[in-house]
């Protein structure tokens, strides 16, 4: 069988296609392995910067490594702990609200006294020009949470003004701020329910 005839056979074409696929897979695997370290370093840096945004002040531990995973009704929550001389001064964790266009992922920092140090929205799909006012680059609305706690304002006031609360809503986009307020309040409830574990004050108990 000459070369042209061999190339026209189904088995030859199948082997050729398989060879190309194998080489492509090996190339992708090599590229992935070669860049894995850089990707992880970039992800760690991005995470550390996100945590630092809602964690003013100084701490002397690696908060990215000092974590605690706790179960909730919605799934596990990873808390990052900031310490001074071994004592937990603050914790940071993510909370999720459900807005007009889907999930709104936030990160919030809470002091050991239970006061909010800061809240930032990490990801959302809300309507540009309306719902995106939760971003600090658009308005200062998100800063209204700074210093708040479960008692300031009172629990029943943890809502937008349209619902009898103390937080502003946006014209034409009440669902979005309502979702963020609910998520942040839920984050404070999570802190109160898990205070001892988050602050590493369980006395050796699990």
N, C-alpha and C. Protein backbone atom coordinates (compact mmCIF):
# COMPACT_ATOMS: atom_id res chain seq x y z
N UNK A 1 0.86 -1.20 0.00
CA UNK A 1 0.00 0.00 0.00
C UNK A 1 0.90 1.25 0.00
N UNK A 2 0.64 2.15 -0.99
CA UNK A 2 1.49 3.34 -1.03
C UNK A 2 1.04 4.36 0.03
N UNK A 3 1.82 5.44 0.16
CA UNK A 3 1.59 6.41 1.22
C UNK A 3 0.22 7.09 1.11
N UNK A 4 -0.16 7.47 -0.11
CA UNK A 4 -1.45 8.15 -0.28
C UNK A 4 -2.61 7.23 0.10
N UNK A 5 -2.46 5.96 -0.28
CA UNK A 5 -3.52 5.00 0.05
C UNK A 5 -3.60 4.79 1.55
N UNK A 6 -2.42 4.76 2.21
CA UNK A 6 -2.40 4.58 3.66
C UNK A 6 -3.08 5.74 4.37
N UNK A 7 -2.82 6.96 3.87
CA UNK A 7 -3.40 8.15 4.50
C UNK A 7 -4.91 8.19 4.38
N UNK A 8 -5.42 7.53 3.38
CA UNK A 8 -6.87 7.57 3.17
C UNK A 8 -7.61 6.55 4.01
N UNK A 9 -6.89 5.68 4.70
CA UNK A 9 -7.58 4.67 5.50
C UNK A 9 -8.12 5.28 6.79
N UNK A 10 -9.20 4.71 7.28
CA UNK A 10 -9.85 5.21 8.48
C UNK A 10 -8.94 5.05 9.71
N UNK A 11 -8.22 3.93 9.75
CA UNK A 11 -7.35 3.68 10.91
C UNK A 11 -6.21 4.70 10.96
N UNK A 12 -5.66 5.07 9.81
CA UNK A 12 -4.58 6.07 9.79
C UNK A 12 -5.09 7.42 10.29
N UNK A 13 -6.26 7.80 9.79
CA UNK A 13 -6.80 9.10 10.20
C UNK A 13 -7.12 9.11 11.71
N UNK A 14 -7.61 7.97 12.19
CA UNK A 14 -7.90 7.89 13.62
C UNK A 14 -6.64 8.00 14.46
N UNK A 15 -5.59 7.30 14.02
CA UNK A 15 -4.33 7.37 14.76
C UNK A 15 -3.73 8.77 14.71
N UNK A 16 -3.86 9.41 13.55
CA UNK A 16 -3.33 10.78 13.43
C UNK A 16 -4.05 11.73 14.37
N UNK A 17 -5.37 11.61 14.38
CA UNK A 17 -6.16 12.48 15.25
C UNK A 17 -5.83 12.22 16.72
N UNK A 18 -5.69 10.94 17.06
CA UNK A 18 -5.34 10.60 18.44
C UNK A 18 -3.98 11.14 18.82
N UNK A 19 -3.02 11.08 17.86
CA UNK A 19 -1.68 11.61 18.14
C UNK A 19 -1.70 13.10 18.40
N UNK A 20 -2.47 13.83 17.59
CA UNK A 20 -2.57 15.28 17.78
C UNK A 20 -3.20 15.60 19.13
N UNK A 21 -4.26 14.85 19.46
CA UNK A 21 -4.94 15.09 20.74
C UNK A 21 -4.01 14.82 21.91
N UNK A 22 -3.22 13.75 21.80
CA UNK A 22 -2.28 13.40 22.87
C UNK A 22 -1.23 14.49 23.05
N UNK A 23 -0.66 14.97 21.94
CA UNK A 23 0.35 16.02 22.02
C UNK A 23 -0.24 17.30 22.62
N UNK A 24 -1.47 17.62 22.23
CA UNK A 24 -2.12 18.82 22.76
C UNK A 24 -2.34 18.70 24.27
N UNK A 25 -2.79 17.51 24.69
CA UNK A 25 -3.02 17.28 26.12
C UNK A 25 -1.73 17.40 26.92
N UNK A 26 -0.66 16.81 26.38
CA UNK A 26 0.64 16.88 27.07
C UNK A 26 1.13 18.32 27.15
N UNK A 27 0.91 19.09 26.06
CA UNK A 27 1.35 20.50 26.08
C UNK A 27 0.57 21.30 27.11
N UNK A 28 -0.74 21.07 27.18
CA UNK A 28 -1.56 21.79 28.17
C UNK A 28 -1.17 21.40 29.59
N UNK A 29 -0.91 20.11 29.80
CA UNK A 29 -0.52 19.64 31.13
C UNK A 29 0.81 20.25 31.54
N UNK A 30 1.74 20.34 30.59
CA UNK A 30 3.04 20.94 30.89
C UNK A 30 2.89 22.43 31.23
N UNK A 31 2.07 23.12 30.43
CA UNK A 31 1.86 24.55 30.69
C UNK A 31 1.20 24.78 32.03
N UNK A 32 0.22 23.92 32.35
CA UNK A 32 -0.47 24.05 33.63
C UNK A 32 0.48 23.83 34.80
N UNK A 33 1.32 22.81 34.68
CA UNK A 33 2.28 22.52 35.74
C UNK A 33 3.30 23.63 35.90
N UNK A 34 3.72 24.20 34.77
CA UNK A 34 4.75 25.24 34.81
C UNK A 34 4.24 26.53 35.45
N UNK A 35 2.94 26.79 35.32
CA UNK A 35 2.39 28.05 35.82
C UNK A 35 1.63 27.88 37.13
N UNK A 36 1.52 26.65 37.64
CA UNK A 36 0.71 26.40 38.83
C UNK A 36 1.20 27.22 40.03
N UNK A 37 2.52 27.26 40.21
CA UNK A 37 3.06 28.01 41.34
C UNK A 37 2.73 29.49 41.26
N UNK A 38 2.90 30.06 40.06
CA UNK A 38 2.61 31.49 39.89
C UNK A 38 1.12 31.78 40.11
N UNK A 39 0.28 30.86 39.62
CA UNK A 39 -1.17 31.06 39.79
C UNK A 39 -1.54 31.04 41.27
N UNK A 40 -0.99 30.07 42.01
CA UNK A 40 -1.30 29.99 43.44
C UNK A 40 -0.79 31.21 44.19
N UNK A 41 0.40 31.69 43.80
CA UNK A 41 0.95 32.89 44.46
C UNK A 41 0.07 34.10 44.18
N UNK A 42 -0.41 34.20 42.93
CA UNK A 42 -1.28 35.33 42.57
C UNK A 42 -2.60 35.25 43.31
N UNK A 43 -3.15 34.03 43.44
CA UNK A 43 -4.41 33.86 44.17
C UNK A 43 -4.24 34.20 45.65
N UNK A 44 -3.10 33.80 46.23
CA UNK A 44 -2.85 34.10 47.63
C UNK A 44 -2.72 35.60 47.85
N UNK A 45 -2.03 36.27 46.92
CA UNK A 45 -1.87 37.72 47.03
C UNK A 45 -3.21 38.42 46.90
N UNK A 46 -4.02 37.97 45.94
CA UNK A 46 -5.34 38.56 45.75
C UNK A 46 -6.21 38.37 46.99
N UNK A 47 -6.14 37.18 47.58
CA UNK A 47 -6.92 36.90 48.78
C UNK A 47 -6.45 37.79 49.94
N UNK A 48 -5.13 37.90 50.09
CA UNK A 48 -4.60 38.72 51.18
C UNK A 48 -5.01 40.18 51.03
N UNK A 49 -5.00 40.67 49.79
CA UNK A 49 -5.40 42.07 49.55
C UNK A 49 -6.89 42.25 49.85
N UNK A 50 -7.71 41.26 49.49
CA UNK A 50 -9.14 41.35 49.76
C UNK A 50 -9.41 41.37 51.26
N UNK A 51 -8.65 40.56 52.01
CA UNK A 51 -8.83 40.52 53.46
C UNK A 51 -8.39 41.83 54.09
N UNK A 52 -7.27 42.37 53.59
CA UNK A 52 -6.72 43.59 54.17
C UNK A 52 -7.66 44.78 54.01
N UNK A 53 -8.47 44.77 52.96
CA UNK A 53 -9.40 45.87 52.71
C UNK A 53 -10.36 46.07 53.87
N UNK A 54 -10.79 44.97 54.47
CA UNK A 54 -11.77 45.06 55.56
C UNK A 54 -11.13 44.77 56.91
N UNK A 55 -9.80 44.90 56.95
CA UNK A 55 -9.09 44.59 58.18
C UNK A 55 -8.06 45.69 58.47
N UNK A 56 -8.52 46.86 58.87
CA UNK A 56 -7.59 47.94 59.17
C UNK A 56 -6.76 47.62 60.41
N UNK A 57 -5.61 48.22 60.51
CA UNK A 57 -4.76 47.99 61.68
C UNK A 57 -3.66 47.00 61.40
N UNK A 58 -2.96 46.64 62.44
CA UNK A 58 -1.80 45.76 62.33
C UNK A 58 -2.06 44.41 62.96
N UNK A 59 -1.43 43.40 62.44
CA UNK A 59 -1.50 42.07 63.02
C UNK A 59 -0.17 41.39 62.74
N UNK A 60 0.14 40.35 63.52
CA UNK A 60 1.47 39.76 63.40
C UNK A 60 1.44 38.29 62.99
N UNK A 61 0.37 37.87 62.39
CA UNK A 61 0.33 36.50 61.88
C UNK A 61 -0.03 36.51 60.40
N UNK A 62 0.09 35.36 59.77
CA UNK A 62 -0.30 35.21 58.37
C UNK A 62 -1.77 34.82 58.34
N UNK A 63 -2.64 35.77 58.10
CA UNK A 63 -4.07 35.52 58.18
C UNK A 63 -4.56 34.56 57.09
N UNK A 64 -3.82 34.48 56.01
CA UNK A 64 -4.22 33.55 54.94
C UNK A 64 -4.08 32.10 55.41
N UNK A 65 -3.10 31.88 56.29
CA UNK A 65 -2.87 30.52 56.80
C UNK A 65 -3.62 30.24 58.09
N UNK A 66 -4.00 31.27 58.82
CA UNK A 66 -4.67 31.10 60.12
C UNK A 66 -6.19 31.08 59.90
N UNK A 67 -6.69 29.92 59.53
CA UNK A 67 -8.11 29.83 59.15
C UNK A 67 -8.87 28.84 60.03
N UNK A 68 -10.15 28.98 59.99
CA UNK A 68 -11.05 28.08 60.69
C UNK A 68 -12.27 27.87 59.80
N UNK A 69 -12.61 26.63 59.56
CA UNK A 69 -13.76 26.31 58.71
C UNK A 69 -14.92 25.87 59.61
N UNK A 70 -16.04 26.56 59.47
CA UNK A 70 -17.19 26.26 60.31
C UNK A 70 -18.41 25.95 59.43
N UNK A 71 -19.22 25.00 59.85
CA UNK A 71 -20.42 24.66 59.06
C UNK A 71 -21.56 25.65 59.31
N UNK A 72 -22.34 25.91 58.29
CA UNK A 72 -23.56 26.71 58.43
C UNK A 72 -24.66 25.99 57.66
N UNK A 73 -25.86 26.52 57.74
CA UNK A 73 -26.98 25.91 57.01
C UNK A 73 -26.79 26.01 55.51
N UNK A 74 -26.02 27.03 55.06
CA UNK A 74 -25.80 27.23 53.63
C UNK A 74 -24.51 26.59 53.14
N UNK A 75 -23.75 25.97 54.04
CA UNK A 75 -22.46 25.39 53.65
C UNK A 75 -21.36 25.84 54.59
N UNK A 76 -20.15 25.47 54.28
CA UNK A 76 -19.02 25.81 55.14
C UNK A 76 -18.56 27.25 54.90
N UNK A 77 -18.11 27.87 55.99
CA UNK A 77 -17.56 29.22 55.93
C UNK A 77 -16.12 29.18 56.43
N UNK A 78 -15.22 29.73 55.65
CA UNK A 78 -13.82 29.83 56.06
C UNK A 78 -13.58 31.20 56.67
N UNK A 79 -13.13 31.21 57.92
CA UNK A 79 -12.83 32.46 58.62
C UNK A 79 -11.33 32.63 58.72
N UNK A 80 -10.87 33.84 58.45
CA UNK A 80 -9.45 34.18 58.54
C UNK A 80 -9.26 35.02 59.80
N UNK A 81 -8.27 34.64 60.63
CA UNK A 81 -8.11 35.28 61.93
C UNK A 81 -6.86 36.15 61.99
N UNK A 82 -7.03 37.37 62.45
CA UNK A 82 -5.92 38.31 62.62
C UNK A 82 -5.55 38.37 64.09
N UNK A 83 -4.28 38.16 64.40
CA UNK A 83 -3.85 38.08 65.79
C UNK A 83 -2.77 39.11 66.14
N UNK A 84 -2.73 39.40 67.44
CA UNK A 84 -1.62 40.13 68.05
C UNK A 84 -1.13 39.28 69.21
N UNK A 85 0.14 38.90 69.18
CA UNK A 85 0.71 38.09 70.24
C UNK A 85 -0.14 36.85 70.54
N UNK A 86 -0.65 36.24 69.52
CA UNK A 86 -1.42 35.02 69.67
C UNK A 86 -2.90 35.21 69.93
N UNK A 87 -3.31 36.42 70.26
CA UNK A 87 -4.72 36.70 70.58
C UNK A 87 -5.46 37.17 69.33
N UNK A 88 -6.59 36.56 69.07
CA UNK A 88 -7.36 36.95 67.89
C UNK A 88 -7.99 38.32 68.12
N UNK A 89 -7.65 39.27 67.27
CA UNK A 89 -8.20 40.62 67.38
C UNK A 89 -9.38 40.83 66.43
N UNK A 90 -9.41 40.08 65.34
CA UNK A 90 -10.47 40.28 64.35
C UNK A 90 -10.55 39.05 63.46
N UNK A 91 -11.69 38.88 62.82
CA UNK A 91 -11.88 37.79 61.87
C UNK A 91 -12.49 38.34 60.59
N UNK A 92 -12.21 37.64 59.52
CA UNK A 92 -12.73 38.04 58.21
C UNK A 92 -13.33 36.81 57.54
N UNK A 93 -14.48 36.97 56.93
CA UNK A 93 -15.09 35.86 56.21
C UNK A 93 -16.04 36.40 55.16
N UNK A 94 -16.45 35.51 54.28
CA UNK A 94 -17.35 35.90 53.20
C UNK A 94 -18.80 35.65 53.60
N UNK A 95 -19.66 36.51 53.10
CA UNK A 95 -21.10 36.31 53.23
C UNK A 95 -21.71 36.51 51.84
N UNK A 96 -22.84 35.90 51.61
CA UNK A 96 -23.45 35.96 50.28
C UNK A 96 -24.90 36.41 50.38
N UNK A 97 -25.23 37.43 49.61
CA UNK A 97 -26.60 37.89 49.50
C UNK A 97 -27.16 37.49 48.13
N UNK A 98 -28.46 37.57 47.99
CA UNK A 98 -29.09 37.19 46.72
C UNK A 98 -29.86 38.39 46.19
N UNK A 99 -29.25 39.04 45.22
CA UNK A 99 -29.80 40.27 44.68
C UNK A 99 -30.70 40.06 43.49
N UNK A 100 -30.88 41.12 42.72
CA UNK A 100 -31.77 41.09 41.57
C UNK A 100 -31.25 40.17 40.47
N UNK A 101 -29.93 40.11 40.31
CA UNK A 101 -29.34 39.36 39.20
C UNK A 101 -28.54 38.15 39.65
N UNK A 102 -28.67 37.78 40.92
CA UNK A 102 -27.94 36.60 41.39
C UNK A 102 -27.19 36.86 42.67
N UNK A 103 -26.19 36.02 42.91
CA UNK A 103 -25.44 36.09 44.16
C UNK A 103 -24.59 37.36 44.24
N UNK A 104 -24.55 37.92 45.44
CA UNK A 104 -23.68 39.07 45.74
C UNK A 104 -22.70 38.58 46.80
N UNK A 105 -21.46 38.42 46.43
CA UNK A 105 -20.44 37.89 47.33
C UNK A 105 -19.73 39.05 48.02
N UNK A 106 -19.76 39.05 49.34
CA UNK A 106 -19.13 40.11 50.12
C UNK A 106 -18.10 39.51 51.06
N UNK A 107 -17.17 40.33 51.48
CA UNK A 107 -16.24 39.96 52.53
C UNK A 107 -16.40 40.99 53.65
N UNK A 108 -16.43 40.51 54.89
CA UNK A 108 -16.61 41.43 56.01
C UNK A 108 -15.61 41.12 57.12
N UNK A 109 -15.11 42.17 57.73
CA UNK A 109 -14.22 42.04 58.86
C UNK A 109 -14.95 42.42 60.13
N UNK A 110 -14.74 41.63 61.19
CA UNK A 110 -15.42 41.86 62.47
C UNK A 110 -14.40 41.84 63.59
N UNK A 111 -14.44 42.84 64.46
CA UNK A 111 -13.52 42.90 65.60
C UNK A 111 -13.92 41.89 66.66
N UNK A 112 -13.03 41.63 67.60
CA UNK A 112 -13.37 40.65 68.65
C UNK A 112 -14.52 41.16 69.51
N UNK A 113 -14.80 42.47 69.48
CA UNK A 113 -15.94 43.02 70.21
C UNK A 113 -17.25 42.88 69.42
N UNK A 114 -17.16 42.37 68.20
CA UNK A 114 -18.37 42.16 67.42
C UNK A 114 -18.78 43.36 66.57
N UNK A 115 -17.84 44.29 66.37
CA UNK A 115 -18.13 45.45 65.52
C UNK A 115 -17.57 45.24 64.11
N UNK A 116 -18.31 45.73 63.14
CA UNK A 116 -17.88 45.58 61.75
C UNK A 116 -16.73 46.54 61.46
N UNK A 117 -15.64 45.98 60.94
CA UNK A 117 -14.48 46.78 60.57
C UNK A 117 -14.58 47.25 59.12
N UNK A 118 -15.29 46.51 58.33
CA UNK A 118 -15.46 46.90 56.94
C UNK A 118 -16.19 45.82 56.16
N UNK A 119 -16.85 46.24 55.10
CA UNK A 119 -17.54 45.31 54.20
C UNK A 119 -17.23 45.75 52.77
N UNK A 120 -16.93 44.79 51.92
CA UNK A 120 -16.74 45.08 50.50
C UNK A 120 -17.40 44.00 49.66
N UNK A 121 -17.91 44.40 48.54
CA UNK A 121 -18.50 43.45 47.60
C UNK A 121 -17.41 42.93 46.68
N UNK A 122 -17.23 41.63 46.66
CA UNK A 122 -16.21 41.02 45.81
C UNK A 122 -16.74 40.69 44.42
N UNK A 123 -18.02 40.33 44.36
CA UNK A 123 -18.56 39.87 43.07
C UNK A 123 -20.07 40.06 43.04
N UNK A 124 -20.57 40.56 41.93
CA UNK A 124 -22.02 40.67 41.76
C UNK A 124 -22.35 40.83 40.29
N UNK A 125 -23.63 40.70 39.96
CA UNK A 125 -24.08 40.86 38.58
C UNK A 125 -25.25 41.82 38.53
N UNK A 126 -25.30 42.75 39.47
CA UNK A 126 -26.44 43.69 39.53
C UNK A 126 -26.39 44.68 38.38
N UNK A 127 -27.49 45.35 38.17
CA UNK A 127 -27.64 46.23 37.01
C UNK A 127 -26.69 47.45 37.10
N UNK A 128 -25.86 47.65 36.09
CA UNK A 128 -24.99 48.83 36.08
C UNK A 128 -25.82 50.11 36.15
N UNK A 129 -25.36 51.04 36.98
CA UNK A 129 -26.06 52.31 37.11
C UNK A 129 -27.14 52.30 38.17
N UNK A 130 -27.54 51.11 38.62
CA UNK A 130 -28.56 50.98 39.66
C UNK A 130 -28.01 50.16 40.83
N UNK A 131 -27.90 48.86 40.61
CA UNK A 131 -27.46 47.97 41.67
C UNK A 131 -25.97 48.05 41.97
N UNK A 132 -25.19 48.56 41.06
CA UNK A 132 -23.75 48.59 41.31
C UNK A 132 -23.33 49.72 42.26
N UNK A 133 -24.29 50.41 42.83
CA UNK A 133 -23.95 51.44 43.83
C UNK A 133 -23.45 50.82 45.13
N UNK A 134 -23.48 49.52 45.21
CA UNK A 134 -22.90 48.83 46.37
C UNK A 134 -21.38 48.81 46.28
N UNK A 135 -20.83 49.18 45.14
CA UNK A 135 -19.38 49.24 44.97
C UNK A 135 -18.85 50.56 45.52
N UNK A 136 -17.76 50.54 46.27
CA UNK A 136 -17.20 51.79 46.81
C UNK A 136 -16.73 52.76 45.73
N UNK A 137 -16.46 52.24 44.53
CA UNK A 137 -16.04 53.11 43.44
C UNK A 137 -17.21 53.93 42.90
N UNK A 138 -18.45 53.51 43.22
CA UNK A 138 -19.64 54.20 42.71
C UNK A 138 -20.22 55.15 43.75
N UNK A 139 -20.39 54.66 44.98
CA UNK A 139 -20.91 55.48 46.07
C UNK A 139 -20.25 55.03 47.37
N UNK A 140 -20.52 55.75 48.43
CA UNK A 140 -19.98 55.38 49.75
C UNK A 140 -20.99 54.59 50.56
N UNK A 141 -22.00 54.06 49.92
CA UNK A 141 -23.06 53.34 50.63
C UNK A 141 -22.51 52.21 51.49
N UNK A 142 -21.57 51.43 50.96
CA UNK A 142 -21.07 50.24 51.66
C UNK A 142 -20.37 50.61 52.98
N UNK A 143 -19.90 51.85 53.10
CA UNK A 143 -19.20 52.27 54.31
C UNK A 143 -20.18 52.49 55.48
N UNK A 144 -21.47 52.48 55.21
CA UNK A 144 -22.46 52.67 56.28
C UNK A 144 -22.42 51.53 57.29
N UNK A 145 -21.80 50.41 56.94
CA UNK A 145 -21.72 49.28 57.87
C UNK A 145 -20.59 49.42 58.88
N UNK A 146 -19.63 50.29 58.61
CA UNK A 146 -18.46 50.42 59.48
C UNK A 146 -18.89 50.76 60.91
N UNK A 147 -18.38 50.00 61.87
CA UNK A 147 -18.67 50.27 63.28
C UNK A 147 -19.98 49.71 63.78
N UNK A 148 -20.79 49.18 62.89
CA UNK A 148 -22.09 48.64 63.30
C UNK A 148 -21.92 47.27 63.97
N UNK A 149 -22.92 46.88 64.74
CA UNK A 149 -22.91 45.59 65.43
C UNK A 149 -24.34 45.08 65.54
N UNK A 150 -24.54 43.99 66.23
CA UNK A 150 -25.88 43.43 66.38
C UNK A 150 -26.76 44.30 67.27
N UNK A 151 -26.14 45.16 68.06
CA UNK A 151 -26.93 46.04 68.93
C UNK A 151 -26.93 47.49 68.45
N UNK A 152 -26.19 47.77 67.43
CA UNK A 152 -26.12 49.14 66.90
C UNK A 152 -26.08 49.09 65.37
N UNK A 153 -27.23 49.17 64.73
CA UNK A 153 -28.56 49.42 65.28
C UNK A 153 -29.17 48.15 65.89
N UNK A 154 -30.32 48.31 66.49
CA UNK A 154 -31.04 47.16 67.04
C UNK A 154 -31.39 46.18 65.92
N UNK A 155 -31.59 44.94 66.29
CA UNK A 155 -31.80 43.89 65.30
C UNK A 155 -32.91 44.22 64.31
N UNK A 156 -34.00 44.80 64.80
CA UNK A 156 -35.14 45.09 63.91
C UNK A 156 -34.86 46.25 62.95
N UNK A 157 -33.79 47.00 63.21
CA UNK A 157 -33.42 48.12 62.34
C UNK A 157 -32.39 47.73 61.29
N UNK A 158 -32.00 46.46 61.29
CA UNK A 158 -31.07 45.98 60.27
C UNK A 158 -31.84 45.71 58.98
N UNK A 159 -32.20 46.80 58.30
CA UNK A 159 -32.97 46.74 57.06
C UNK A 159 -32.82 48.07 56.35
N UNK A 160 -33.25 48.14 55.09
CA UNK A 160 -33.24 49.42 54.39
C UNK A 160 -34.39 50.28 54.92
N UNK A 161 -34.30 51.57 54.71
CA UNK A 161 -35.29 52.49 55.27
C UNK A 161 -36.71 52.19 54.77
N UNK A 162 -36.82 51.71 53.55
CA UNK A 162 -38.13 51.37 53.00
C UNK A 162 -38.80 50.27 53.82
N UNK A 163 -37.98 49.45 54.49
CA UNK A 163 -38.50 48.35 55.32
C UNK A 163 -38.47 48.69 56.80
N UNK A 164 -38.25 49.98 57.12
CA UNK A 164 -38.23 50.40 58.52
C UNK A 164 -36.86 50.37 59.16
N UNK A 165 -35.84 50.15 58.37
CA UNK A 165 -34.49 50.09 58.91
C UNK A 165 -33.74 51.41 58.81
N UNK A 166 -32.42 51.34 58.96
CA UNK A 166 -31.62 52.56 58.99
C UNK A 166 -30.73 52.73 57.75
N UNK A 167 -30.73 51.74 56.87
CA UNK A 167 -29.81 51.80 55.73
C UNK A 167 -30.54 52.33 54.49
N UNK A 168 -29.87 53.18 53.76
CA UNK A 168 -30.46 53.76 52.55
C UNK A 168 -30.69 52.69 51.49
N UNK A 169 -31.75 52.89 50.69
CA UNK A 169 -31.92 52.06 49.50
C UNK A 169 -31.59 52.92 48.29
N UNK A 170 -31.56 52.31 47.12
CA UNK A 170 -31.27 53.05 45.89
C UNK A 170 -32.57 53.23 45.11
N UNK A 171 -32.74 54.37 44.50
CA UNK A 171 -33.92 54.60 43.66
C UNK A 171 -33.95 53.58 42.53
N UNK A 172 -35.01 52.79 42.48
CA UNK A 172 -35.16 51.82 41.40
C UNK A 172 -34.40 50.52 41.60
N UNK A 173 -33.75 50.37 42.75
CA UNK A 173 -32.95 49.14 42.96
C UNK A 173 -32.92 48.79 44.44
N UNK A 174 -34.08 48.61 45.03
CA UNK A 174 -34.14 48.30 46.46
C UNK A 174 -33.66 46.89 46.76
N UNK A 175 -33.89 45.98 45.81
CA UNK A 175 -33.55 44.58 46.06
C UNK A 175 -32.07 44.41 46.38
N UNK A 176 -31.22 45.15 45.70
CA UNK A 176 -29.78 44.98 45.86
C UNK A 176 -29.30 45.38 47.26
N UNK A 177 -29.57 46.60 47.72
CA UNK A 177 -29.12 46.94 49.07
C UNK A 177 -29.80 46.10 50.14
N UNK A 178 -31.05 45.74 49.91
CA UNK A 178 -31.76 44.87 50.85
C UNK A 178 -31.01 43.54 51.00
N UNK A 179 -30.53 42.99 49.89
CA UNK A 179 -29.80 41.72 49.91
C UNK A 179 -28.47 41.85 50.66
N UNK A 180 -27.79 42.96 50.46
CA UNK A 180 -26.49 43.15 51.13
C UNK A 180 -26.69 43.34 52.63
N UNK A 181 -27.69 44.13 53.01
CA UNK A 181 -27.96 44.34 54.44
C UNK A 181 -28.29 43.01 55.11
N UNK A 182 -29.11 42.21 54.46
CA UNK A 182 -29.47 40.90 55.02
C UNK A 182 -28.24 40.01 55.16
N UNK A 183 -27.38 40.03 54.16
CA UNK A 183 -26.17 39.20 54.20
C UNK A 183 -25.23 39.63 55.32
N UNK A 184 -25.06 40.93 55.48
CA UNK A 184 -24.15 41.43 56.52
C UNK A 184 -24.72 41.14 57.91
N UNK A 185 -26.02 41.33 58.06
CA UNK A 185 -26.64 40.98 59.34
C UNK A 185 -26.44 39.49 59.63
N UNK A 186 -26.60 38.67 58.61
CA UNK A 186 -26.35 37.24 58.77
C UNK A 186 -24.92 36.95 59.18
N UNK A 187 -23.99 37.76 58.67
CA UNK A 187 -22.59 37.61 59.06
C UNK A 187 -22.36 37.92 60.52
N UNK A 188 -23.09 38.90 61.05
CA UNK A 188 -22.98 39.22 62.48
C UNK A 188 -23.60 38.12 63.34
N UNK A 189 -24.70 37.56 62.87
CA UNK A 189 -25.31 36.44 63.59
C UNK A 189 -24.34 35.26 63.62
N UNK A 190 -23.70 35.01 62.49
CA UNK A 190 -22.68 33.94 62.42
C UNK A 190 -21.57 34.19 63.44
N UNK A 191 -21.14 35.43 63.56
CA UNK A 191 -20.07 35.75 64.53
C UNK A 191 -20.54 35.46 65.96
N UNK A 192 -21.74 35.92 66.29
CA UNK A 192 -22.24 35.73 67.65
C UNK A 192 -22.42 34.24 67.97
N UNK A 193 -22.89 33.49 67.00
CA UNK A 193 -23.12 32.06 67.22
C UNK A 193 -21.83 31.26 67.33
N UNK A 194 -20.75 31.79 66.78
CA UNK A 194 -19.48 31.06 66.77
C UNK A 194 -18.35 31.86 67.40
N UNK A 195 -18.70 32.80 68.27
CA UNK A 195 -17.72 33.73 68.83
C UNK A 195 -16.53 33.02 69.45
N UNK A 196 -16.77 32.07 70.32
CA UNK A 196 -15.66 31.42 71.02
C UNK A 196 -14.72 30.69 70.08
N UNK A 197 -15.29 30.01 69.11
CA UNK A 197 -14.45 29.29 68.15
C UNK A 197 -13.67 30.27 67.28
N UNK A 198 -14.34 31.31 66.80
CA UNK A 198 -13.67 32.28 65.93
C UNK A 198 -12.53 32.99 66.66
N UNK A 199 -12.75 33.28 67.94
CA UNK A 199 -11.74 34.00 68.71
C UNK A 199 -10.75 33.04 69.37
N UNK A 200 -10.87 31.77 69.04
CA UNK A 200 -9.94 30.76 69.57
C UNK A 200 -9.98 30.74 71.09
N UNK A 201 -11.19 30.76 71.63
CA UNK A 201 -11.37 30.77 73.08
C UNK A 201 -12.26 29.61 73.53
N UNK A 202 -12.05 28.48 72.88
CA UNK A 202 -12.86 27.30 73.22
C UNK A 202 -12.28 26.53 74.39
N UNK A 203 -11.11 26.99 74.90
CA UNK A 203 -10.51 26.31 76.04
C UNK A 203 -10.10 24.88 75.74
N UNK A 204 -9.72 24.66 74.47
CA UNK A 204 -9.28 23.32 74.10
C UNK A 204 -10.40 22.40 73.69
N UNK A 205 -11.66 22.90 73.84
CA UNK A 205 -12.79 22.07 73.42
C UNK A 205 -12.92 22.13 71.92
N UNK A 206 -13.42 21.13 71.26
CA UNK A 206 -13.56 21.14 69.80
C UNK A 206 -14.61 22.16 69.38
